[in-house]
């Protein structure tokens, strides 16, 4: 039967209506913009926190805005421009201008570069300058001077403990730190405390007597007196 012009038959293909494509609404765009803004704000906040923490740590480490480093040596602040990994020895000698400490081996084996860090003896040739920021560094110059020598300095002179003198500053710094923890040591304890220091001149016995004299434990008549 001819269905032309009539209702479509059962085998006729029906057209499936397409859903109209909706244009982006102003509300939808606003929502997406809000989400992006929130994400951006969160990232910015995280960056601020990270930068703030970094600035705090830098301040605690003694780093200055100019890229320098502030260290306290013998009670005075010194702003230095050395790389943070530079050994403290070089900074103290070349930038701060202190010559009491010496370069001996560069391996922390001889003791000639010894200084005190917060009152404890350390080898400055193996101590990074960045590690001492915010702490107290003391060198031989900080113990005493010619007019007012430290008791250990005077004892080393009185006992003629120095020959070439190259190792003596490190020994005095070590001995001073040691005597604060052990005010009245025995000769054996002094030798043990100074065992990490090398003296190629061989004045070890006089060095021990000098430390005993400073500690007030030297037996009368046992020392070599200056001029005697």
C-alpha atoms as a PDB file:
ATOM      1  CA  UNK A   1       0.000   0.000   0.000  1.00  0.00           C
ATOM      2  CA  UNK A   2       1.310   3.441  -0.865  1.00  0.00           C
ATOM      3  CA  UNK A   3       1.971   5.460   2.242  1.00  0.00           C
ATOM      4  CA  UNK A   4       3.023   8.559   0.366  1.00  0.00           C
ATOM      5  CA  UNK A   5       1.678  11.572   2.058  1.00  0.00           C
ATOM      6  CA  UNK A   6       0.403   9.453   4.923  1.00  0.00           C
ATOM      7  CA  UNK A   7       1.785   8.488   8.280  1.00  0.00           C
ATOM      8  CA  UNK A   8       5.226   6.930   8.201  1.00  0.00           C
ATOM      9  CA  UNK A   9       5.221   3.171   8.213  1.00  0.00           C
ATOM     10  CA  UNK A  10       6.815   0.910  10.733  1.00  0.00           C
ATOM     11  CA  UNK A  11      10.063   0.618   8.705  1.00  0.00           C
ATOM     12  CA  UNK A  12      10.492   4.328   8.215  1.00  0.00           C
ATOM     13  CA  UNK A  13      13.604   5.951   9.763  1.00  0.00           C
ATOM     14  CA  UNK A  14      12.650   8.355  12.441  1.00  0.00           C
ATOM     15  CA  UNK A  15      14.792  11.420  13.020  1.00  0.00           C
ATOM     16  CA  UNK A  16      16.097  11.570  16.610  1.00  0.00           C
ATOM     17  CA  UNK A  17      15.827  15.107  17.751  1.00  0.00           C
ATOM     18  CA  UNK A  18      19.195  16.602  18.743  1.00  0.00           C
ATOM     19  CA  UNK A  19      19.626  18.336  22.040  1.00  0.00           C
ATOM     20  CA  UNK A  20      20.145  21.994  21.549  1.00  0.00           C
ATOM     21  CA  UNK A  21      23.678  23.179  22.318  1.00  0.00           C
ATOM     22  CA  UNK A  22      23.429  25.600  25.138  1.00  0.00           C
ATOM     23  CA  UNK A  23      25.581  28.644  25.128  1.00  0.00           C
ATOM     24  CA  UNK A  24      27.823  29.167  28.206  1.00  0.00           C
ATOM     25  CA  UNK A  25      25.943  31.090  30.773  1.00  0.00           C
ATOM     26  CA  UNK A  26      27.331  33.975  32.726  1.00  0.00           C
ATOM     27  CA  UNK A  27      26.770  32.006  35.945  1.00  0.00           C
ATOM     28  CA  UNK A  28      28.827  29.048  34.649  1.00  0.00           C
ATOM     29  CA  UNK A  29      31.666  31.256  33.562  1.00  0.00           C
ATOM     30  CA  UNK A  30      31.653  32.927  36.934  1.00  0.00           C
ATOM     31  CA  UNK A  31      31.836  29.590  38.706  1.00  0.00           C
ATOM     32  CA  UNK A  32      34.812  28.476  36.632  1.00  0.00           C
ATOM     33  CA  UNK A  33      36.540  31.792  37.200  1.00  0.00           C
ATOM     34  CA  UNK A  34      35.933  31.486  40.933  1.00  0.00           C
ATOM     35  CA  UNK A  35      37.478  28.013  40.981  1.00  0.00           C
ATOM     36  CA  UNK A  36      40.551  29.210  39.079  1.00  0.00           C
ATOM     37  CA  UNK A  37      40.868  32.187  41.389  1.00  0.00           C
ATOM     38  CA  UNK A  38      40.630  29.937  44.441  1.00  0.00           C
ATOM     39  CA  UNK A  39      43.322  27.623  43.067  1.00  0.00           C
ATOM     40  CA  UNK A  40      45.539  30.585  42.231  1.00  0.00           C
ATOM     41  CA  UNK A  41      45.026  32.093  45.664  1.00  0.00           C
ATOM     42  CA  UNK A  42      45.902  28.785  47.296  1.00  0.00           C
ATOM     43  CA  UNK A  43      49.095  28.546  45.273  1.00  0.00           C
ATOM     44  CA  UNK A  44      50.035  32.105  46.115  1.00  0.00           C
ATOM     45  CA  UNK A  45      49.406  31.484  49.804  1.00  0.00           C
ATOM     46  CA  UNK A  46      51.620  28.381  49.709  1.00  0.00           C
ATOM     47  CA  UNK A  47      54.350  30.383  47.989  1.00  0.00           C
ATOM     48  CA  UNK A  48      54.122  33.111  50.632  1.00  0.00           C
ATOM     49  CA  UNK A  49      54.393  30.527  53.405  1.00  0.00           C
ATOM     50  CA  UNK A  50      57.406  28.917  51.722  1.00  0.00           C
ATOM     51  CA  UNK A  51      59.088  32.278  51.186  1.00  0.00           C
ATOM     52  CA  UNK A  52      58.331  33.315  54.733  1.00  0.00           C
ATOM     53  CA  UNK A  53      59.810  30.121  56.127  1.00  0.00           C
ATOM     54  CA  UNK A  54      62.864  30.571  53.929  1.00  0.00           C
ATOM     55  CA  UNK A  55      63.311  34.144  55.118  1.00  0.00           C
ATOM     56  CA  UNK A  56      62.985  33.062  58.737  1.00  0.00           C
ATOM     57  CA  UNK A  57      65.577  30.329  58.305  1.00  0.00           C
ATOM     58  CA  UNK A  58      67.875  32.721  56.465  1.00  0.00           C
ATOM     59  CA  UNK A  59      67.575  35.216  59.309  1.00  0.00           C
ATOM     60  CA  UNK A  60      68.314  32.515  61.881  1.00  0.00           C
ATOM     61  CA  UNK A  61      71.340  31.460  59.825  1.00  0.00           C
ATOM     62  CA  UNK A  62      72.668  35.014  59.796  1.00  0.00           C
ATOM     63  CA  UNK A  63      72.135  35.566  56.083  1.00  0.00           C
ATOM     64  CA  UNK A  64      71.710  39.183  55.130  1.00  0.00           C
ATOM     65  CA  UNK A  65      69.579  40.587  52.278  1.00  0.00           C
ATOM     66  CA  UNK A  66      72.777  41.457  50.423  1.00  0.00           C
ATOM     67  CA  UNK A  67      73.871  37.845  50.330  1.00  0.00           C
ATOM     68  CA  UNK A  68      76.486  38.217  53.074  1.00  0.00           C
ATOM     69  CA  UNK A  69      76.878  36.413  56.334  1.00  0.00           C
ATOM     70  CA  UNK A  70      77.134  37.823  59.830  1.00  0.00           C
ATOM     71  CA  UNK A  71      79.324  36.033  62.334  1.00  0.00           C
ATOM     72  CA  UNK A  72      80.199  36.991  65.892  1.00  0.00           C
ATOM     73  CA  UNK A  73      83.927  36.781  66.596  1.00  0.00           C
ATOM     74  CA  UNK A  74      85.428  37.705  69.963  1.00  0.00           C
ATOM     75  CA  UNK A  75      82.214  39.489  70.897  1.00  0.00           C
ATOM     76  CA  UNK A  76      81.945  41.577  67.711  1.00  0.00           C
ATOM     77  CA  UNK A  77      79.753  41.103  64.658  1.00  0.00           C
ATOM     78  CA  UNK A  78      81.491  40.801  61.310  1.00  0.00           C
ATOM     79  CA  UNK A  79      79.699  40.898  57.970  1.00  0.00           C
ATOM     80  CA  UNK A  80      81.560  38.730  55.485  1.00  0.00           C
ATOM     81  CA  UNK A  81      80.940  37.960  51.850  1.00  0.00           C
ATOM     82  CA  UNK A  82      82.496  34.521  51.734  1.00  0.00           C
ATOM     83  CA  UNK A  83      80.656  31.608  50.183  1.00  0.00           C
ATOM     84  CA  UNK A  84      78.728  29.733  52.918  1.00  0.00           C
ATOM     85  CA  UNK A  85      80.851  26.622  52.314  1.00  0.00           C
ATOM     86  CA  UNK A  86      84.140  28.468  52.886  1.00  0.00           C
ATOM     87  CA  UNK A  87      86.136  27.092  55.840  1.00  0.00           C
ATOM     88  CA  UNK A  88      85.947  29.362  58.856  1.00  0.00           C
ATOM     89  CA  UNK A  89      89.760  29.410  58.979  1.00  0.00           C
ATOM     90  CA  UNK A  90      90.029  31.396  55.743  1.00  0.00           C
ATOM     91  CA  UNK A  91      87.316  33.861  56.714  1.00  0.00           C
ATOM     92  CA  UNK A  92      88.891  34.577  60.094  1.00  0.00           C
ATOM     93  CA  UNK A  93      92.352  35.087  58.622  1.00  0.00           C
ATOM     94  CA  UNK A  94      91.598  36.748  55.297  1.00  0.00           C
ATOM     95  CA  UNK A  95      88.430  38.743  55.986  1.00  0.00           C
ATOM     96  CA  UNK A  96      88.298  39.356  59.717  1.00  0.00           C
ATOM     97  CA  UNK A  97      92.085  39.772  59.843  1.00  0.00           C
ATOM     98  CA  UNK A  98      92.894  37.449  62.746  1.00  0.00           C
ATOM     99  CA  UNK A  99      96.249  35.702  62.421  1.00  0.00           C
ATOM    100  CA  UNK A 100      96.374  33.763  65.693  1.00  0.00           C
ATOM    101  CA  UNK A 101      94.931  30.626  64.149  1.00  0.00           C
ATOM    102  CA  UNK A 102      97.109  28.796  61.614  1.00  0.00           C
ATOM    103  CA  UNK A 103      96.696  26.542  58.616  1.00  0.00           C
ATOM    104  CA  UNK A 104      98.476  23.268  59.269  1.00  0.00           C
ATOM    105  CA  UNK A 105      97.009  20.288  57.461  1.00  0.00           C
ATOM    106  CA  UNK A 106      93.541  21.309  56.291  1.00  0.00           C
ATOM    107  CA  UNK A 107      92.241  17.924  57.479  1.00  0.00           C
ATOM    108  CA  UNK A 108      91.538  18.641  61.167  1.00  0.00           C
ATOM    109  CA  UNK A 109      94.457  16.399  62.133  1.00  0.00           C
ATOM    110  CA  UNK A 110      97.060  18.778  63.573  1.00  0.00           C
ATOM    111  CA  UNK A 111      95.068  21.243  65.692  1.00  0.00           C
ATOM    112  CA  UNK A 112      96.855  24.435  64.676  1.00  0.00           C
ATOM    113  CA  UNK A 113      93.614  25.986  63.373  1.00  0.00           C
ATOM    114  CA  UNK A 114      91.669  25.400  66.603  1.00  0.00           C
ATOM    115  CA  UNK A 115      89.207  28.057  67.762  1.00  0.00           C
ATOM    116  CA  UNK A 116      86.271  27.911  70.147  1.00  0.00           C
ATOM    117  CA  UNK A 117      82.649  27.746  69.060  1.00  0.00           C
ATOM    118  CA  UNK A 118      80.273  28.488  71.923  1.00  0.00           C
ATOM    119  CA  UNK A 119      83.125  27.637  74.268  1.00  0.00           C
ATOM    120  CA  UNK A 120      84.029  24.303  72.691  1.00  0.00           C
ATOM    121  CA  UNK A 121      87.203  23.669  70.718  1.00  0.00           C
ATOM    122  CA  UNK A 122      86.667  23.072  66.990  1.00  0.00           C
ATOM    123  CA  UNK A 123      88.935  22.785  63.960  1.00  0.00           C
ATOM    124  CA  UNK A 124      88.246  25.843  61.835  1.00  0.00           C
ATOM    125  CA  UNK A 125      89.767  24.303  58.693  1.00  0.00           C
ATOM    126  CA  UNK A 126      86.858  21.830  58.549  1.00  0.00           C
ATOM    127  CA  UNK A 127      84.103  24.096  59.889  1.00  0.00           C
ATOM    128  CA  UNK A 128      81.987  25.890  57.284  1.00  0.00           C
ATOM    129  CA  UNK A 129      81.492  29.574  57.961  1.00  0.00           C
ATOM    130  CA  UNK A 130      77.734  29.112  57.546  1.00  0.00           C
ATOM    131  CA  UNK A 131      77.769  26.719  60.504  1.00  0.00           C
ATOM    132  CA  UNK A 132      78.861  29.437  62.954  1.00  0.00           C
ATOM    133  CA  UNK A 133      76.226  32.068  62.156  1.00  0.00           C
ATOM    134  CA  UNK A 134      74.340  32.965  65.306  1.00  0.00           C
ATOM    135  CA  UNK A 135      77.017  31.408  67.505  1.00  0.00           C
ATOM    136  CA  UNK A 136      80.028  32.772  69.380  1.00  0.00           C
ATOM    137  CA  UNK A 137      83.476  32.292  67.855  1.00  0.00           C
ATOM    138  CA  UNK A 138      86.530  32.910  70.039  1.00  0.00           C
ATOM    139  CA  UNK A 139      90.093  33.028  68.775  1.00  0.00           C
ATOM    140  CA  UNK A 140      93.410  33.472  70.581  1.00  0.00           C
ATOM    141  CA  UNK A 141      93.013  37.240  70.220  1.00  0.00           C
ATOM    142  CA  UNK A 142      89.786  37.014  72.215  1.00  0.00           C
ATOM    143  CA  UNK A 143      91.432  35.445  75.269  1.00  0.00           C
ATOM    144  CA  UNK A 144      93.901  38.175  76.122  1.00  0.00           C
ATOM    145  CA  UNK A 145      96.482  40.611  74.817  1.00  0.00           C
ATOM    146  CA  UNK A 146     100.025  41.705  75.610  1.00  0.00           C
ATOM    147  CA  UNK A 147      98.885  44.147  78.279  1.00  0.00           C
ATOM    148  CA  UNK A 148      96.406  41.731  79.840  1.00  0.00           C
ATOM    149  CA  UNK A 149      97.329  38.149  78.918  1.00  0.00           C
ATOM    150  CA  UNK A 150      95.085  35.228  79.698  1.00  0.00           C
ATOM    151  CA  UNK A 151      96.431  32.938  82.479  1.00  0.00           C
ATOM    152  CA  UNK A 152      97.182  30.261  79.893  1.00  0.00           C
ATOM    153  CA  UNK A 153      99.058  32.705  77.686  1.00  0.00           C
ATOM    154  CA  UNK A 154     101.114  33.853  80.654  1.00  0.00           C
ATOM    155  CA  UNK A 155     101.788  30.258  81.742  1.00  0.00           C
ATOM    156  CA  UNK A 156     102.991  29.275  78.255  1.00  0.00           C
ATOM    157  CA  UNK A 157     105.419  32.212  78.347  1.00  0.00           C
ATOM    158  CA  UNK A 158     106.589  31.465  81.869  1.00  0.00           C
ATOM    159  CA  UNK A 159     107.180  27.790  81.076  1.00  0.00           C
ATOM    160  CA  UNK A 160     108.815  28.634  77.729  1.00  0.00           C
ATOM    161  CA  UNK A 161     106.413  26.182  76.123  1.00  0.00           C
ATOM    162  CA  UNK A 162     106.777  27.629  72.643  1.00  0.00           C
ATOM    163  CA  UNK A 163     109.689  27.081  70.313  1.00  0.00           C
ATOM    164  CA  UNK A 164     108.550  27.997  66.797  1.00  0.00           C
ATOM    165  CA  UNK A 165     105.099  28.796  68.218  1.00  0.00           C
ATOM    166  CA  UNK A 166     103.140  27.622  65.184  1.00  0.00           C
ATOM    167  CA  UNK A 167     101.043  25.073  67.083  1.00  0.00           C
ATOM    168  CA  UNK A 168     100.704  27.012  70.333  1.00  0.00           C
ATOM    169  CA  UNK A 169      97.567  29.118  69.579  1.00  0.00           C
ATOM    170  CA  UNK A 170      95.556  25.976  68.854  1.00  0.00           C
ATOM    171  CA  UNK A 171      96.856  24.276  71.989  1.00  0.00           C
ATOM    172  CA  UNK A 172      95.950  27.260  74.151  1.00  0.00           C
ATOM    173  CA  UNK A 173      92.422  27.364  72.726  1.00  0.00           C
ATOM    174  CA  UNK A 174      91.996  23.638  73.329  1.00  0.00           C
ATOM    175  CA  UNK A 175      93.456  23.884  76.843  1.00  0.00           C
ATOM    176  CA  UNK A 176      91.195  26.798  77.764  1.00  0.00           C
ATOM    177  CA  UNK A 177      88.063  24.905  76.727  1.00  0.00           C
ATOM    178  CA  UNK A 178      89.329  21.817  78.533  1.00  0.00           C
ATOM    179  CA  UNK A 179      90.048  23.623  81.809  1.00  0.00           C
ATOM    180  CA  UNK A 180      86.526  25.003  81.938  1.00  0.00           C
ATOM    181  CA  UNK A 181      85.191  21.456  82.015  1.00  0.00           C
ATOM    182  CA  UNK A 182      88.051  20.069  84.135  1.00  0.00           C
ATOM    183  CA  UNK A 183      89.526  22.868  86.289  1.00  0.00           C
ATOM    184  CA  UNK A 184      92.036  20.671  88.147  1.00  0.00           C
ATOM    185  CA  UNK A 185      93.198  18.009  85.700  1.00  0.00           C
ATOM    186  CA  UNK A 186      95.999  15.527  86.149  1.00  0.00           C
ATOM    187  CA  UNK A 187      98.983  15.458  83.793  1.00  0.00           C
ATOM    188  CA  UNK A 188      97.539  12.351  82.159  1.00  0.00           C
ATOM    189  CA  UNK A 189      94.214  14.101  81.535  1.00  0.00           C
ATOM    190  CA  UNK A 190      95.998  17.098  80.011  1.00  0.00           C
ATOM    191  CA  UNK A 191      97.957  14.860  77.663  1.00  0.00           C
ATOM    192  CA  UNK A 192      94.741  13.143  76.614  1.00  0.00           C
ATOM    193  CA  UNK A 193      92.973  16.469  76.010  1.00  0.00           C
ATOM    194  CA  UNK A 194      95.838  17.734  73.833  1.00  0.00           C
ATOM    195  CA  UNK A 195      96.525  14.434  72.052  1.00  0.00           C
ATOM    196  CA  UNK A 196      94.994  15.752  68.841  1.00  0.00           C
ATOM    197  CA  UNK A 197      97.568  18.540  68.589  1.00  0.00           C
ATOM    198  CA  UNK A 198     100.925  18.069  66.912  1.00  0.00           C
ATOM    199  CA  UNK A 199     104.113  19.881  67.947  1.00  0.00           C
ATOM    200  CA  UNK A 200     107.041  19.143  65.663  1.00  0.00           C
ATOM    201  CA  UNK A 201     109.402  21.079  67.927  1.00  0.00           C
ATOM    202  CA  UNK A 202     108.902  18.548  70.716  1.00  0.00           C
ATOM    203  CA  UNK A 203     108.021  20.876  73.603  1.00  0.00           C
ATOM    204  CA  UNK A 204     105.233  18.584  74.821  1.00  0.00           C
ATOM    205  CA  UNK A 205     106.426  18.376  78.441  1.00  0.00           C
ATOM    206  CA  UNK A 206     106.650  22.144  78.750  1.00  0.00           C
ATOM    207  CA  UNK A 207     103.188  22.475  77.223  1.00  0.00           C
ATOM    208  CA  UNK A 208     101.773  20.094  79.835  1.00  0.00           C
ATOM    209  CA  UNK A 209     103.508  22.036  82.612  1.00  0.00           C
ATOM    210  CA  UNK A 210     102.095  25.301  81.258  1.00  0.00           C
ATOM    211  CA  UNK A 211      98.548  23.944  81.434  1.00  0.00           C
ATOM    212  CA  UNK A 212      99.223  22.660  84.956  1.00  0.00           C
ATOM    213  CA  UNK A 213     100.526  26.094  85.948  1.00  0.00           C
ATOM    214  CA  UNK A 214      97.394  27.798  84.606  1.00  0.00           C
ATOM    215  CA  UNK A 215      95.246  25.285  86.482  1.00  0.00           C
ATOM    216  CA  UNK A 216      97.251  25.771  89.676  1.00  0.00           C
ATOM    217  CA  UNK A 217      98.265  22.108  89.869  1.00  0.00           C
ATOM    218  CA  UNK A 218     101.940  22.437  88.970  1.00  0.00           C
ATOM    219  CA  UNK A 219     104.225  21.182  91.736  1.00  0.00           C
ATOM    220  CA  UNK A 220     106.471  23.880  93.096  1.00  0.00           C
ATOM    221  CA  UNK A 221     109.911  23.760  91.515  1.00  0.00           C
ATOM    222  CA  UNK A 222     108.783  21.464  88.692  1.00  0.00           C
ATOM    223  CA  UNK A 223     108.379  24.218  86.119  1.00  0.00           C
ATOM    224  CA  UNK A 224     110.921  26.014  84.023  1.00  0.00           C
ATOM    225  CA  UNK A 225     110.674  29.671  84.965  1.00  0.00           C
ATOM    226  CA  UNK A 226     111.294  32.416  82.465  1.00  0.00           C
ATOM    227  CA  UNK A 227     114.873  33.604  82.713  1.00  0.00           C
ATOM    228  CA  UNK A 228     115.879  30.602  84.819  1.00  0.00           C
END
